[in-house]
Protein backbone atom coordinates (compact mmCIF):
# COMPACT_ATOMS: atom_id res chain seq x y z
CA MET A 1 -0.14 -0.10 0.10
CA THR A 2 2.63 2.60 1.09
CA TRP A 3 4.55 1.97 -2.35
CA THR A 4 1.32 2.74 -4.57
CA ILE A 5 0.80 6.08 -2.44
CA CYS A 6 4.31 7.13 -3.06
CA PHE A 7 4.43 6.03 -6.93
CA ARG A 8 1.13 7.67 -7.19
CA ALA A 9 2.51 11.03 -5.67
CA LEU A 10 5.55 10.72 -7.82
CA PHE A 11 3.59 10.20 -10.92
CA VAL A 12 1.28 13.48 -9.86
CA ALA A 13 4.62 15.31 -9.34
CA THR A 14 6.23 14.52 -12.49
CA ALA A 15 2.97 15.30 -14.31
CA LEU A 16 2.84 18.66 -12.62
CA LEU A 17 6.46 19.43 -13.20
CA ALA A 18 5.91 18.41 -17.11
CA LEU A 19 2.79 20.67 -17.36
CA ILE A 20 4.82 23.73 -15.69
CA PHE A 21 8.16 22.88 -18.22
CA LEU A 22 5.51 22.75 -21.30
CA ALA A 23 3.54 25.91 -20.25
CA GLY A 24 7.25 27.52 -19.86
CA CYS A 25 7.89 26.62 -23.38
CA ALA A 26 4.48 28.08 -24.56
CA PRO A 27 5.42 31.21 -25.42
CA ASN A 28 8.89 30.81 -27.25
CA ARG A 29 6.97 28.60 -29.59
CA LEU A 30 4.24 31.66 -29.78
CA ALA A 31 7.18 33.83 -30.49
CA ALA A 32 8.43 31.60 -33.06
CA ALA A 33 5.34 31.25 -34.86
CA ALA A 34 4.78 34.97 -35.11
CA ALA A 35 8.34 35.53 -36.54
CA THR A 36 7.64 33.07 -39.21
CA LYS A 37 4.36 34.79 -39.94
CA ALA A 38 6.01 37.89 -40.29
CA ALA A 39 8.77 36.65 -42.42
CA ALA A 40 6.27 34.89 -44.62
CA ASN A 41 4.41 38.60 -45.06
CA GLN A 42 7.88 39.86 -46.72
CA VAL A 43 7.74 37.36 -49.05
CA PRO A 44 5.54 39.27 -51.45
CA LEU A 45 7.65 42.92 -51.00
CA ALA A 46 10.72 40.85 -51.59
CA LEU A 47 8.85 39.25 -55.05
CA SER A 48 7.97 42.48 -56.07
CA VAL A 49 11.22 43.83 -55.67
CA ALA A 50 12.80 40.99 -57.82
CA ASP A 51 10.31 41.55 -60.38
CA GLU A 52 11.26 45.25 -60.80
CA GLU A 53 14.99 44.38 -61.03
CA ARG A 54 13.94 41.93 -63.71
CA ARG A 55 12.00 44.77 -65.65
CA ILE A 56 14.99 47.20 -64.98
CA GLY A 57 17.32 44.50 -66.60
CA ARG A 58 14.90 44.13 -70.02
CA ALA A 59 14.90 47.76 -70.11
CA LEU A 60 18.77 48.24 -70.76
CA PRO A 61 19.42 51.12 -73.53
CA ASP A 62 20.95 50.19 -76.59
CA TYR A 63 24.74 49.57 -77.06
CA PRO A 64 26.09 52.41 -78.25
CA ALA A 65 27.47 51.99 -81.94
CA ALA A 66 30.55 53.43 -81.61
CA CYS A 67 31.42 50.71 -78.90
CA ARG A 68 30.90 48.11 -81.93
CA ARG A 69 33.12 49.93 -84.17
CA THR A 70 36.49 48.06 -85.25
CA TYR A 71 39.63 49.62 -86.13
CA SER A 72 41.78 48.78 -88.96
CA ALA A 73 45.37 49.80 -89.26
CA GLY A 74 45.22 50.52 -92.79
CA ILE A 75 48.68 49.28 -93.84
CA ARG A 76 49.41 48.71 -97.33
CA GLN A 77 51.88 46.41 -99.28
CA GLY A 78 55.05 48.45 -99.83
CA ASP A 79 54.79 50.97 -96.57
CA ARG A 80 57.90 51.51 -95.04
CA LEU A 81 58.52 49.41 -91.41
CA ASP A 82 58.37 52.46 -89.48
CA ALA A 83 55.01 54.10 -91.13
CA ALA A 84 53.62 50.91 -90.84
CA LEU A 85 54.36 50.60 -86.97
CA LEU A 86 52.96 54.19 -86.56
CA LYS A 87 49.90 53.19 -88.18
CA THR A 88 49.69 50.30 -86.13
CA ASP A 89 50.11 51.89 -82.83
CA ARG A 90 47.35 54.75 -83.86
CA ALA A 91 44.85 52.14 -84.57
CA LEU A 92 45.61 50.44 -81.46
CA SER A 93 45.22 53.78 -79.30
CA ARG A 94 41.90 54.23 -80.86
CA ALA A 95 40.61 50.95 -80.05
CA ASN A 96 42.06 51.12 -76.45
CA GLY A 97 40.25 54.49 -76.38
CA GLN A 98 37.11 52.86 -77.34
CA ILE A 99 37.17 50.15 -74.65
CA VAL A 100 37.75 52.71 -71.82
CA GLU A 101 34.93 54.63 -73.26
CA CYS A 102 32.74 52.05 -73.35
CA ALA A 103 33.78 50.12 -70.12
CA GLY A 104 32.98 53.49 -68.29
CA TRP A 105 29.37 53.83 -70.00
CA TYR A 106 28.57 50.40 -68.78
CA ASP A 107 30.04 51.07 -65.15
CA GLU A 108 27.47 54.34 -65.15
CA ILE A 109 24.71 51.94 -66.41
CA ARG A 110 25.62 49.30 -63.78
CA LYS A 111 25.74 51.76 -61.07
CA GLY A 112 21.98 52.84 -62.00
CA ILE A 113 20.75 49.69 -61.94
CA ALA A 114 22.21 48.61 -58.61
CA ARG A 115 20.59 51.36 -56.73
């Protein structure tokens, strides 16, 4: 008889401690559920931002025709070597200048989209 009373008392005490423990955990679960709901509410905003970025990406201006230009040195058969070297150097300088200009244009466009 004594063992059954002790067993029942131990069982009731364990059940009460479990209920107290679970009651203490409930607010954390509610806060986590609220945080998950708040994060879910941000999904439409994130999707609208992504849609706007895609729209901006599709609305890029046309690539400048000057950036597509190619250069030729214009060397002819029978040109002196020093003259051929000068013509080649001028053509290379023009091409390098074009590359720098077009890269600057691209960087400005990219900065505008990144904002």
